[in-house]
Amino acid sequence: MVPMRFPDGFTTPARVITFKGLVDGLEHIAVGLGEARSAAEPLVRLHSECLTGDVFGSQRCDCGPQMREAVERIAEVGGYLLYLRQEGRGIGLYAKVDAYALQDAGLDTYEANVALGYDADERDYTAAAQMIHALELPRVALLSNNPDKAEQLGRLGVTVSSRVPTEVHWSPTNARYLATKATRGAHTFEPASVFGL
């Protein structure tokens, strides 16, 4: 067990689990929190890496607050945070920085990815499904507002017994980003109008 410590002092014990032979060849990790192994239906969060939000506290997105929320909630009931190396919805860090410049010029987060020659969302959760199978989890409660995660996992043989919504981490800075996730990405939280758009 290693302690996970956040800048505000919140600390929780965690087990870090690594994997070999994942389909995409990337280094994803599972973080076991709480009584993960004994939970009949562990709470699982698929969290795509966001260096700018998770590490540097960018307010363009809600990634950092979502990760913190996930760690706290999973630690309470037992489960896993799967930290997936899929920066920028799968386009990579450098392309994500280029997408930021396009967003500053008026494009939304999905339009920027497309303008750079990528799909709006390039993430594939096959490696996440492999990780869940390797952890021998017969069924999971998925902590997510993104229906695509549950749909992909289901197609990949993972039983998602329920989808547990995350909080909405709204700020004036990320309002347009969240509204775009709701309207273009089908994320299931309040309609775009609540974000002031």
N, C-alpha and C. Protein backbone atom coordinates (compact mmCIF):
# COMPACT_ATOMS: atom_id res chain seq x y z
N MET A 1 0.84 -1.18 0.00
CA MET A 1 0.00 0.00 0.00
C MET A 1 0.89 1.25 0.00
N VAL A 2 0.48 2.21 -0.79
CA VAL A 2 1.18 3.49 -0.82
C VAL A 2 0.15 4.60 -0.54
N PRO A 3 0.55 5.65 0.14
CA PRO A 3 -0.43 6.72 0.37
C PRO A 3 -0.57 7.60 -0.86
N MET A 4 -1.81 7.92 -1.23
CA MET A 4 -2.06 8.94 -2.25
C MET A 4 -2.32 10.22 -1.48
N ARG A 5 -1.61 11.29 -1.83
CA ARG A 5 -1.75 12.56 -1.11
C ARG A 5 -2.05 13.67 -2.10
N PHE A 6 -3.07 14.44 -1.81
CA PHE A 6 -3.46 15.56 -2.66
C PHE A 6 -2.95 16.86 -2.06
N PRO A 7 -2.83 17.91 -2.89
CA PRO A 7 -2.27 19.18 -2.41
C PRO A 7 -2.98 19.75 -1.17
N ASP A 8 -4.28 19.48 -1.02
CA ASP A 8 -5.00 20.02 0.13
C ASP A 8 -4.85 19.17 1.38
N GLY A 9 -4.03 18.11 1.31
CA GLY A 9 -3.76 17.29 2.47
C GLY A 9 -4.53 15.99 2.56
N PHE A 10 -5.55 15.79 1.70
CA PHE A 10 -6.30 14.54 1.72
C PHE A 10 -5.37 13.39 1.37
N THR A 11 -5.37 12.35 2.21
CA THR A 11 -4.50 11.19 2.01
C THR A 11 -5.33 9.92 2.17
N THR A 12 -5.07 8.94 1.31
CA THR A 12 -5.74 7.65 1.43
C THR A 12 -4.77 6.55 0.99
N PRO A 13 -4.80 5.40 1.65
CA PRO A 13 -3.95 4.30 1.21
C PRO A 13 -4.43 3.74 -0.12
N ALA A 14 -3.49 3.30 -0.94
CA ALA A 14 -3.84 2.79 -2.27
C ALA A 14 -2.87 1.69 -2.68
N ARG A 15 -3.36 0.76 -3.48
CA ARG A 15 -2.52 -0.26 -4.09
C ARG A 15 -2.41 0.07 -5.57
N VAL A 16 -1.20 0.15 -6.09
CA VAL A 16 -0.99 0.43 -7.50
C VAL A 16 -0.70 -0.88 -8.21
N ILE A 17 -1.48 -1.16 -9.24
CA ILE A 17 -1.38 -2.43 -9.97
C ILE A 17 -1.00 -2.12 -11.41
N THR A 18 0.04 -2.78 -11.89
CA THR A 18 0.49 -2.60 -13.27
C THR A 18 0.12 -3.83 -14.09
N PHE A 19 0.16 -3.67 -15.41
CA PHE A 19 -0.28 -4.73 -16.32
C PHE A 19 0.73 -4.92 -17.44
N LYS A 20 0.82 -6.12 -17.95
CA LYS A 20 1.64 -6.43 -19.13
C LYS A 20 0.72 -6.94 -20.23
N GLY A 21 1.09 -6.66 -21.48
CA GLY A 21 0.38 -7.25 -22.61
C GLY A 21 -0.96 -6.63 -22.94
N LEU A 22 -1.18 -5.40 -22.53
CA LEU A 22 -2.44 -4.75 -22.90
C LEU A 22 -2.45 -4.46 -24.39
N VAL A 23 -3.62 -4.46 -24.99
CA VAL A 23 -3.77 -4.40 -26.43
C VAL A 23 -3.10 -3.20 -27.08
N ASP A 24 -3.08 -2.06 -26.39
CA ASP A 24 -2.51 -0.85 -27.00
C ASP A 24 -1.04 -0.63 -26.67
N GLY A 25 -0.46 -1.50 -25.84
CA GLY A 25 0.96 -1.40 -25.51
C GLY A 25 1.32 -0.25 -24.58
N LEU A 26 0.32 0.44 -24.04
CA LEU A 26 0.59 1.58 -23.16
C LEU A 26 0.64 1.15 -21.70
N GLU A 27 1.16 2.02 -20.86
CA GLU A 27 1.31 1.73 -19.44
C GLU A 27 0.17 2.35 -18.64
N HIS A 28 -0.95 1.65 -18.56
CA HIS A 28 -2.07 2.06 -17.74
C HIS A 28 -1.91 1.43 -16.35
N ILE A 29 -2.52 2.04 -15.34
CA ILE A 29 -2.46 1.44 -14.01
C ILE A 29 -3.86 1.39 -13.40
N ALA A 30 -4.02 0.45 -12.47
CA ALA A 30 -5.22 0.40 -11.64
C ALA A 30 -4.79 0.78 -10.23
N VAL A 31 -5.57 1.61 -9.59
CA VAL A 31 -5.31 2.01 -8.21
C VAL A 31 -6.44 1.43 -7.36
N GLY A 32 -6.08 0.44 -6.52
CA GLY A 32 -7.07 -0.16 -5.63
C GLY A 32 -7.25 0.71 -4.41
N LEU A 33 -8.49 1.05 -4.12
CA LEU A 33 -8.81 1.95 -3.01
C LEU A 33 -9.85 1.30 -2.10
N GLY A 34 -9.75 1.58 -0.82
CA GLY A 34 -10.69 0.98 0.12
C GLY A 34 -10.54 -0.53 0.13
N GLU A 35 -11.60 -1.20 0.41
CA GLU A 35 -11.58 -2.67 0.42
C GLU A 35 -11.93 -3.17 -0.98
N ALA A 36 -11.07 -2.86 -1.94
CA ALA A 36 -11.35 -3.17 -3.34
C ALA A 36 -11.57 -4.65 -3.58
N ARG A 37 -10.72 -5.47 -3.00
CA ARG A 37 -10.80 -6.90 -3.28
C ARG A 37 -12.03 -7.56 -2.67
N SER A 38 -12.56 -7.00 -1.60
CA SER A 38 -13.70 -7.64 -0.95
C SER A 38 -15.05 -7.06 -1.39
N ALA A 39 -15.02 -5.99 -2.18
CA ALA A 39 -16.28 -5.39 -2.63
C ALA A 39 -16.95 -6.30 -3.67
N ALA A 40 -18.21 -6.67 -3.41
CA ALA A 40 -18.92 -7.56 -4.33
C ALA A 40 -19.13 -6.89 -5.69
N GLU A 41 -19.38 -5.61 -5.67
CA GLU A 41 -19.61 -4.84 -6.88
C GLU A 41 -18.79 -3.56 -6.76
N PRO A 42 -17.49 -3.65 -7.05
CA PRO A 42 -16.62 -2.50 -6.80
C PRO A 42 -16.99 -1.29 -7.66
N LEU A 43 -16.77 -0.13 -7.08
CA LEU A 43 -16.95 1.11 -7.82
C LEU A 43 -15.68 1.33 -8.64
N VAL A 44 -15.85 1.54 -9.93
CA VAL A 44 -14.71 1.68 -10.85
C VAL A 44 -14.84 2.97 -11.63
N ARG A 45 -13.74 3.70 -11.71
CA ARG A 45 -13.68 4.92 -12.51
C ARG A 45 -12.63 4.72 -13.59
N LEU A 46 -13.01 4.90 -14.87
CA LEU A 46 -12.05 4.96 -15.96
C LEU A 46 -11.68 6.43 -16.09
N HIS A 47 -10.46 6.77 -15.76
CA HIS A 47 -10.04 8.18 -15.78
C HIS A 47 -8.95 8.35 -16.82
N SER A 48 -9.25 9.09 -17.87
CA SER A 48 -8.25 9.34 -18.91
C SER A 48 -7.26 10.40 -18.43
N GLU A 49 -6.00 10.08 -18.59
CA GLU A 49 -4.93 10.99 -18.18
C GLU A 49 -5.17 12.40 -18.70
N CYS A 50 -4.95 13.38 -17.81
CA CYS A 50 -5.03 14.78 -18.20
C CYS A 50 -3.94 15.51 -17.44
N LEU A 51 -2.76 15.58 -18.03
CA LEU A 51 -1.64 16.23 -17.36
C LEU A 51 -1.99 17.65 -16.94
N THR A 52 -2.63 18.38 -17.83
CA THR A 52 -2.94 19.78 -17.54
C THR A 52 -3.93 19.92 -16.39
N GLY A 53 -4.92 19.05 -16.31
CA GLY A 53 -5.92 19.14 -15.25
C GLY A 53 -5.55 18.38 -13.99
N ASP A 54 -5.05 17.14 -14.14
CA ASP A 54 -4.73 16.30 -12.99
C ASP A 54 -3.52 16.81 -12.22
N VAL A 55 -2.51 17.29 -12.95
CA VAL A 55 -1.25 17.68 -12.31
C VAL A 55 -1.13 19.19 -12.13
N PHE A 56 -1.43 19.94 -13.20
CA PHE A 56 -1.20 21.39 -13.16
C PHE A 56 -2.44 22.19 -12.77
N GLY A 57 -3.57 21.51 -12.55
CA GLY A 57 -4.76 22.20 -12.06
C GLY A 57 -5.45 23.09 -13.07
N SER A 58 -5.31 22.79 -14.36
CA SER A 58 -5.99 23.59 -15.38
C SER A 58 -7.47 23.68 -15.08
N GLN A 59 -8.04 24.85 -15.29
CA GLN A 59 -9.46 25.04 -15.08
C GLN A 59 -10.25 25.00 -16.38
N ARG A 60 -9.59 24.66 -17.50
CA ARG A 60 -10.29 24.50 -18.77
C ARG A 60 -11.24 23.31 -18.73
N CYS A 61 -10.93 22.33 -17.90
CA CYS A 61 -11.68 21.08 -17.85
C CYS A 61 -12.09 20.79 -16.41
N ASP A 62 -12.68 19.63 -16.21
CA ASP A 62 -13.07 19.21 -14.87
C ASP A 62 -12.32 17.95 -14.43
N CYS A 63 -11.22 17.64 -15.11
CA CYS A 63 -10.52 16.38 -14.90
C CYS A 63 -9.92 16.25 -13.50
N GLY A 64 -9.21 17.26 -13.05
CA GLY A 64 -8.60 17.20 -11.72
C GLY A 64 -9.63 17.00 -10.63
N PRO A 65 -10.68 17.84 -10.58
CA PRO A 65 -11.71 17.64 -9.55
C PRO A 65 -12.43 16.29 -9.68
N GLN A 66 -12.63 15.81 -10.90
CA GLN A 66 -13.26 14.50 -11.06
C GLN A 66 -12.38 13.39 -10.50
N MET A 67 -11.07 13.48 -10.73
CA MET A 67 -10.18 12.44 -10.21
C MET A 67 -10.19 12.46 -8.68
N ARG A 68 -10.11 13.64 -8.10
CA ARG A 68 -10.14 13.75 -6.63
C ARG A 68 -11.45 13.18 -6.09
N GLU A 69 -12.57 13.55 -6.70
CA GLU A 69 -13.87 13.03 -6.27
C GLU A 69 -13.88 11.50 -6.37
N ALA A 70 -13.37 10.98 -7.47
CA ALA A 70 -13.37 9.53 -7.68
C ALA A 70 -12.57 8.82 -6.59
N VAL A 71 -11.39 9.33 -6.28
CA VAL A 71 -10.55 8.71 -5.25
C VAL A 71 -11.29 8.69 -3.92
N GLU A 72 -11.90 9.79 -3.54
CA GLU A 72 -12.62 9.85 -2.27
C GLU A 72 -13.79 8.87 -2.23
N ARG A 73 -14.59 8.87 -3.31
CA ARG A 73 -15.79 8.02 -3.31
C ARG A 73 -15.44 6.54 -3.38
N ILE A 74 -14.43 6.21 -4.18
CA ILE A 74 -14.04 4.80 -4.29
C ILE A 74 -13.42 4.32 -2.98
N ALA A 75 -12.62 5.16 -2.33
CA ALA A 75 -12.01 4.77 -1.06
C ALA A 75 -13.06 4.45 0.00
N GLU A 76 -14.20 5.12 -0.06
CA GLU A 76 -15.27 4.88 0.91
C GLU A 76 -15.92 3.52 0.76
N VAL A 77 -16.10 3.06 -0.48
CA VAL A 77 -16.87 1.83 -0.71
C VAL A 77 -16.04 0.67 -1.24
N GLY A 78 -14.84 0.94 -1.71
CA GLY A 78 -13.98 -0.10 -2.26
C GLY A 78 -14.11 -0.20 -3.76
N GLY A 79 -12.97 -0.17 -4.44
CA GLY A 79 -12.97 -0.29 -5.89
C GLY A 79 -11.67 0.15 -6.49
N TYR A 80 -11.73 0.58 -7.75
CA TYR A 80 -10.52 0.87 -8.52
C TYR A 80 -10.67 2.13 -9.35
N LEU A 81 -9.61 2.89 -9.38
CA LEU A 81 -9.45 3.98 -10.34
C LEU A 81 -8.52 3.43 -11.42
N LEU A 82 -9.01 3.33 -12.66
CA LEU A 82 -8.15 2.92 -13.77
C LEU A 82 -7.64 4.19 -14.43
N TYR A 83 -6.35 4.43 -14.29
CA TYR A 83 -5.75 5.64 -14.85
C TYR A 83 -5.20 5.29 -16.23
N LEU A 84 -5.87 5.82 -17.26
CA LEU A 84 -5.62 5.42 -18.64
C LEU A 84 -4.84 6.48 -19.38
N ARG A 85 -3.81 6.07 -20.10
CA ARG A 85 -2.92 6.98 -20.82
C ARG A 85 -3.58 7.40 -22.13
N GLN A 86 -4.59 8.25 -22.04
CA GLN A 86 -5.36 8.68 -23.21
C GLN A 86 -5.52 10.20 -23.19
N GLU A 87 -4.41 10.89 -23.08
CA GLU A 87 -4.43 12.35 -23.00
C GLU A 87 -5.21 12.98 -24.15
N GLY A 88 -5.99 14.01 -23.84
CA GLY A 88 -6.69 14.76 -24.88
C GLY A 88 -7.71 13.95 -25.65
N ARG A 89 -8.48 13.12 -24.94
CA ARG A 89 -9.42 12.20 -25.59
C ARG A 89 -8.72 11.29 -26.59
N GLY A 90 -7.49 10.93 -26.26
CA GLY A 90 -6.77 9.96 -27.06
C GLY A 90 -5.87 10.52 -28.13
N ILE A 91 -5.72 11.86 -28.21
CA ILE A 91 -4.90 12.44 -29.28
C ILE A 91 -3.46 12.73 -28.85
N GLY A 92 -3.18 12.64 -27.56
CA GLY A 92 -1.83 12.87 -27.06
C GLY A 92 -1.63 14.30 -26.56
N LEU A 93 -0.60 14.47 -25.78
CA LEU A 93 -0.36 15.75 -25.11
C LEU A 93 -0.04 16.88 -26.08
N TYR A 94 0.85 16.65 -27.04
CA TYR A 94 1.23 17.73 -27.96
C TYR A 94 0.04 18.19 -28.80
N ALA A 95 -0.73 17.22 -29.31
CA ALA A 95 -1.91 17.58 -30.10
C ALA A 95 -2.94 18.29 -29.22
N LYS A 96 -3.03 17.88 -27.96
CA LYS A 96 -3.97 18.55 -27.05
C LYS A 96 -3.59 20.02 -26.86
N VAL A 97 -2.31 20.31 -26.75
CA VAL A 97 -1.87 21.70 -26.63
C VAL A 97 -2.24 22.48 -27.90
N ASP A 98 -2.08 21.84 -29.06
CA ASP A 98 -2.51 22.47 -30.31
C ASP A 98 -4.03 22.70 -30.31
N ALA A 99 -4.77 21.74 -29.77
CA ALA A 99 -6.23 21.87 -29.69
C ALA A 99 -6.61 23.04 -28.78
N TYR A 100 -5.85 23.26 -27.73
CA TYR A 100 -6.11 24.41 -26.85
C TYR A 100 -6.05 25.72 -27.64
N ALA A 101 -5.06 25.83 -28.51
CA ALA A 101 -4.93 27.06 -29.32
C ALA A 101 -6.16 27.24 -30.21
N LEU A 102 -6.66 26.15 -30.77
CA LEU A 102 -7.87 26.22 -31.60
C LEU A 102 -9.10 26.57 -30.76
N GLN A 103 -9.14 26.08 -29.54
CA GLN A 103 -10.25 26.43 -28.65
C GLN A 103 -10.19 27.92 -28.30
N ASP A 104 -8.99 28.44 -28.11
CA ASP A 104 -8.85 29.88 -27.84
C ASP A 104 -9.34 30.71 -29.01
N ALA A 105 -9.29 30.12 -30.22
CA ALA A 105 -9.75 30.81 -31.43
C ALA A 105 -11.25 30.61 -31.68
N GLY A 106 -11.93 29.84 -30.81
CA GLY A 106 -13.38 29.72 -30.92
C GLY A 106 -13.95 28.33 -31.11
N LEU A 107 -13.12 27.34 -31.43
CA LEU A 107 -13.65 25.98 -31.59
C LEU A 107 -13.92 25.36 -30.23
N ASP A 108 -14.87 24.41 -30.20
CA ASP A 108 -15.06 23.69 -28.95
C ASP A 108 -14.07 22.53 -28.89
N THR A 109 -14.07 21.81 -27.78
CA THR A 109 -13.08 20.76 -27.55
C THR A 109 -13.15 19.64 -28.59
N TYR A 110 -14.35 19.31 -29.04
CA TYR A 110 -14.50 18.26 -30.06
C TYR A 110 -14.11 18.79 -31.44
N GLU A 111 -14.57 19.99 -31.76
CA GLU A 111 -14.24 20.59 -33.06
C GLU A 111 -12.74 20.75 -33.22
N ALA A 112 -12.05 21.11 -32.15
CA ALA A 112 -10.60 21.29 -32.21
C ALA A 112 -9.90 19.98 -32.57
N ASN A 113 -10.33 18.88 -31.97
CA ASN A 113 -9.73 17.58 -32.30
C ASN A 113 -9.95 17.24 -33.78
N VAL A 114 -11.17 17.48 -34.26
CA VAL A 114 -11.48 17.19 -35.67
C VAL A 114 -10.66 18.08 -36.59
N ALA A 115 -10.52 19.35 -36.25
CA ALA A 115 -9.74 20.27 -37.08
C ALA A 115 -8.28 19.84 -37.19
N LEU A 116 -7.79 19.12 -36.20
CA LEU A 116 -6.41 18.62 -36.23
C LEU A 116 -6.30 17.27 -36.95
N GLY A 117 -7.42 16.76 -37.46
CA GLY A 117 -7.39 15.50 -38.22
C GLY A 117 -7.70 14.27 -37.40
N TYR A 118 -8.19 14.44 -36.19
CA TYR A 118 -8.54 13.32 -35.33
C TYR A 118 -10.06 13.18 -35.26
N ASP A 119 -10.52 12.06 -34.70
CA ASP A 119 -11.92 11.94 -34.36
C ASP A 119 -12.20 12.87 -33.18
N ALA A 120 -13.45 13.21 -32.97
CA ALA A 120 -13.81 14.06 -31.84
C ALA A 120 -13.38 13.44 -30.52
N ASP A 121 -13.48 12.11 -30.43
CA ASP A 121 -13.06 11.38 -29.24
C ASP A 121 -12.42 10.08 -29.71
N GLU A 122 -11.13 9.96 -29.54
CA GLU A 122 -10.38 8.79 -30.04
C GLU A 122 -10.22 7.69 -28.99
N ARG A 123 -10.82 7.86 -27.83
CA ARG A 123 -10.58 6.89 -26.77
C ARG A 123 -11.22 5.54 -27.06
N ASP A 124 -10.46 4.50 -26.75
CA ASP A 124 -10.88 3.12 -26.89
C ASP A 124 -10.66 2.46 -25.53
N TYR A 125 -11.67 1.79 -25.02
CA TYR A 125 -11.57 1.24 -23.67
C TYR A 125 -11.28 -0.25 -23.64
N THR A 126 -10.69 -0.78 -24.73
CA THR A 126 -10.35 -2.20 -24.76
C THR A 126 -9.33 -2.54 -23.68
N ALA A 127 -8.30 -1.71 -23.52
CA ALA A 127 -7.30 -1.96 -22.48
C ALA A 127 -7.95 -1.91 -21.10
N ALA A 128 -8.89 -0.99 -20.89
CA ALA A 128 -9.58 -0.91 -19.60
C ALA A 128 -10.36 -2.20 -19.34
N ALA A 129 -11.02 -2.73 -20.36
CA ALA A 129 -11.75 -4.00 -20.21
C ALA A 129 -10.78 -5.12 -19.88
N GLN A 130 -9.62 -5.15 -20.54
CA GLN A 130 -8.61 -6.17 -20.22
C GLN A 130 -8.17 -6.07 -18.76
N MET A 131 -8.00 -4.85 -18.27
CA MET A 131 -7.60 -4.64 -16.88
C MET A 131 -8.67 -5.15 -15.93
N ILE A 132 -9.92 -4.85 -16.22
CA ILE A 132 -11.02 -5.30 -15.37
C ILE A 132 -11.10 -6.82 -15.34
N HIS A 133 -10.92 -7.45 -16.51
CA HIS A 133 -10.91 -8.92 -16.56
C HIS A 133 -9.72 -9.48 -15.78
N ALA A 134 -8.55 -8.85 -15.91
CA ALA A 134 -7.36 -9.32 -15.18
C ALA A 134 -7.55 -9.20 -13.67
N LEU A 135 -8.29 -8.19 -13.25
CA LEU A 135 -8.58 -8.01 -11.82
C LEU A 135 -9.67 -8.96 -11.33
N GLU A 136 -10.24 -9.73 -12.28
CA GLU A 136 -11.27 -10.73 -11.99
C GLU A 136 -12.48 -10.09 -11.30
N LEU A 137 -12.97 -9.01 -11.91
CA LEU A 137 -14.16 -8.34 -11.41
C LEU A 137 -15.36 -8.79 -12.24
N PRO A 138 -16.25 -9.59 -11.67
CA PRO A 138 -17.37 -10.11 -12.45
C PRO A 138 -18.38 -9.04 -12.85
N ARG A 139 -18.49 -8.00 -12.04
CA ARG A 139 -19.40 -6.89 -12.34
C ARG A 139 -18.88 -5.65 -11.64
N VAL A 140 -19.18 -4.49 -12.23
CA VAL A 140 -18.69 -3.23 -11.66
C VAL A 140 -19.79 -2.19 -11.68
N ALA A 141 -19.72 -1.27 -10.73
CA ALA A 141 -20.50 -0.05 -10.76
C ALA A 141 -19.57 1.01 -11.35
N LEU A 142 -19.96 1.60 -12.45
CA LEU A 142 -19.08 2.51 -13.18
C LEU A 142 -19.36 3.95 -12.77
N LEU A 143 -18.34 4.62 -12.25
CA LEU A 143 -18.45 6.01 -11.83
C LEU A 143 -18.16 6.90 -13.03
N SER A 144 -19.24 7.37 -13.69
CA SER A 144 -19.04 8.14 -14.92
C SER A 144 -20.34 8.80 -15.36
N ASN A 145 -20.21 9.96 -16.00
CA ASN A 145 -21.33 10.61 -16.68
C ASN A 145 -21.32 10.32 -18.18
N ASN A 146 -20.34 9.55 -18.64
CA ASN A 146 -20.13 9.31 -20.06
C ASN A 146 -20.70 7.94 -20.46
N PRO A 147 -21.82 7.91 -21.17
CA PRO A 147 -22.42 6.62 -21.53
C PRO A 147 -21.54 5.79 -22.46
N ASP A 148 -20.64 6.41 -23.21
CA ASP A 148 -19.78 5.67 -24.13
C ASP A 148 -18.88 4.70 -23.37
N LYS A 149 -18.45 5.07 -22.17
CA LYS A 149 -17.60 4.16 -21.40
C LYS A 149 -18.34 2.88 -21.07
N ALA A 150 -19.57 3.01 -20.58
CA ALA A 150 -20.36 1.82 -20.24
C ALA A 150 -20.67 0.99 -21.48
N GLU A 151 -21.01 1.65 -22.57
CA GLU A 151 -21.33 0.92 -23.80
C GLU A 151 -20.13 0.14 -24.31
N GLN A 152 -18.95 0.79 -24.34
CA GLN A 152 -17.76 0.08 -24.81
C GLN A 152 -17.43 -1.09 -23.89
N LEU A 153 -17.48 -0.88 -22.58
CA LEU A 153 -17.17 -1.98 -21.66
C LEU A 153 -18.13 -3.13 -21.85
N GLY A 154 -19.41 -2.83 -22.01
CA GLY A 154 -20.40 -3.89 -22.23
C GLY A 154 -20.09 -4.71 -23.47
N ARG A 155 -19.71 -4.04 -24.57
CA ARG A 155 -19.36 -4.75 -25.80
C ARG A 155 -18.10 -5.61 -25.63
N LEU A 156 -17.29 -5.24 -24.64
CA LEU A 156 -16.02 -5.94 -24.41
C LEU A 156 -16.13 -6.98 -23.29
N GLY A 157 -17.36 -7.33 -22.93
CA GLY A 157 -17.58 -8.42 -21.99
C GLY A 157 -17.54 -8.05 -20.52
N VAL A 158 -17.59 -6.77 -20.20
CA VAL A 158 -17.61 -6.34 -18.80
C VAL A 158 -19.07 -6.07 -18.41
N THR A 159 -19.51 -6.64 -17.32
CA THR A 159 -20.86 -6.39 -16.82
C THR A 159 -20.85 -5.11 -16.00
N VAL A 160 -21.49 -4.08 -16.54
CA VAL A 160 -21.64 -2.81 -15.82
C VAL A 160 -23.03 -2.85 -15.20
N SER A 161 -23.08 -3.10 -13.90
CA SER A 161 -24.37 -3.26 -13.23
C SER A 161 -25.08 -1.92 -13.04
N SER A 162 -24.31 -0.85 -12.92
CA SER A 162 -24.92 0.47 -12.80
C SER A 162 -23.89 1.52 -13.20
N ARG A 163 -24.42 2.67 -13.60
CA ARG A 163 -23.56 3.82 -13.89
C ARG A 163 -23.87 4.86 -12.83
N VAL A 164 -22.86 5.19 -12.05
CA VAL A 164 -22.99 6.12 -10.93
C VAL A 164 -22.50 7.48 -11.39
N PRO A 165 -23.36 8.51 -11.35
CA PRO A 165 -22.92 9.82 -11.86
C PRO A 165 -21.90 10.49 -10.95
N THR A 166 -21.02 11.24 -11.57
CA THR A 166 -20.10 12.09 -10.82
C THR A 166 -20.77 13.44 -10.61
N GLU A 167 -20.20 14.22 -9.71
CA GLU A 167 -20.68 15.58 -9.51
C GLU A 167 -20.33 16.41 -10.74
N VAL A 168 -20.98 17.56 -10.87
CA VAL A 168 -20.63 18.50 -11.93
C VAL A 168 -19.69 19.53 -11.32
N HIS A 169 -18.47 19.56 -11.80
CA HIS A 169 -17.44 20.47 -11.26
C HIS A 169 -17.38 21.71 -12.14
N TRP A 170 -18.41 22.52 -12.02
CA TRP A 170 -18.59 23.71 -12.86
C TRP A 170 -17.80 24.88 -12.32
N SER A 171 -17.25 25.67 -13.25
CA SER A 171 -16.67 26.97 -12.92
C SER A 171 -16.90 27.86 -14.14
N PRO A 172 -16.81 29.17 -13.99
CA PRO A 172 -16.97 30.04 -15.16
C PRO A 172 -15.96 29.71 -16.27
N THR A 173 -14.79 29.21 -15.88
CA THR A 173 -13.75 28.91 -16.87
C THR A 173 -14.07 27.67 -17.69
N ASN A 174 -14.70 26.66 -17.08
CA ASN A 174 -14.95 25.42 -17.82
C ASN A 174 -16.41 25.26 -18.26
N ALA A 175 -17.21 26.30 -18.12
CA ALA A 175 -18.64 26.20 -18.44
C ALA A 175 -18.88 25.75 -19.89
N ARG A 176 -18.17 26.35 -20.82
CA ARG A 176 -18.37 25.97 -22.24
C ARG A 176 -17.93 24.53 -22.48
N TYR A 177 -16.84 24.13 -21.87
CA TYR A 177 -16.34 22.76 -21.99
C TYR A 177 -17.39 21.76 -21.50
N LEU A 178 -17.97 22.01 -20.32
CA LEU A 178 -18.97 21.11 -19.77
C LEU A 178 -20.23 21.09 -20.63
N ALA A 179 -20.65 22.26 -21.10
CA ALA A 179 -21.82 22.32 -21.97
C ALA A 179 -21.60 21.51 -23.24
N THR A 180 -20.39 21.57 -23.78
CA THR A 180 -20.07 20.82 -24.98
C THR A 180 -20.09 19.32 -24.70
N LYS A 181 -19.58 18.91 -23.54
CA LYS A 181 -19.65 17.49 -23.19
C LYS A 181 -21.10 17.02 -23.10
N ALA A 182 -21.97 17.87 -22.59
CA ALA A 182 -23.38 17.50 -22.46
C ALA A 182 -24.07 17.42 -23.82
N THR A 183 -23.83 18.42 -24.68
CA THR A 183 -24.57 18.48 -25.94
C THR A 183 -23.95 17.64 -27.05
N ARG A 184 -22.63 17.56 -27.10
CA ARG A 184 -21.97 16.82 -28.19
C ARG A 184 -21.49 15.45 -27.76
N GLY A 185 -21.16 15.29 -26.48
CA GLY A 185 -20.63 14.02 -26.01
C GLY A 185 -21.65 13.17 -25.27
N ALA A 186 -22.89 13.65 -25.17
CA ALA A 186 -23.99 12.93 -24.52
C ALA A 186 -23.73 12.61 -23.05
N HIS A 187 -22.86 13.39 -22.42
CA HIS A 187 -22.63 13.18 -20.99
C HIS A 187 -23.92 13.52 -20.25
N THR A 188 -24.24 12.71 -19.26
CA THR A 188 -25.54 12.82 -18.61
C THR A 188 -25.49 13.68 -17.36
N PHE A 189 -25.36 14.99 -17.57
CA PHE A 189 -25.61 15.92 -16.49
C PHE A 189 -26.48 17.03 -17.02
N GLU A 190 -26.72 18.02 -16.21
CA GLU A 190 -27.68 19.06 -16.56
C GLU A 190 -27.45 19.61 -17.96
N PRO A 191 -28.50 20.08 -18.61
CA PRO A 191 -28.34 20.63 -19.96
C PRO A 191 -27.43 21.85 -19.98
N ALA A 192 -26.97 22.18 -21.18
CA ALA A 192 -26.00 23.24 -21.35
C ALA A 192 -26.44 24.56 -20.73
N SER A 193 -27.75 24.80 -20.65
CA SER A 193 -28.23 26.08 -20.14
C SER A 193 -27.79 26.35 -18.72
N VAL A 194 -27.57 25.31 -17.90
CA VAL A 194 -27.16 25.55 -16.53
C VAL A 194 -25.72 26.04 -16.44
N PHE A 195 -24.98 25.91 -17.52
CA PHE A 195 -23.59 26.35 -17.51
C PHE A 195 -23.46 27.79 -17.98
N GLY A 196 -24.57 28.47 -18.12
CA GLY A 196 -24.54 29.88 -18.47
C GLY A 196 -24.36 30.14 -19.95
N LEU A 197 -24.67 29.17 -20.80
CA LEU A 197 -24.50 29.34 -22.25
C LEU A 197 -25.86 29.43 -22.93
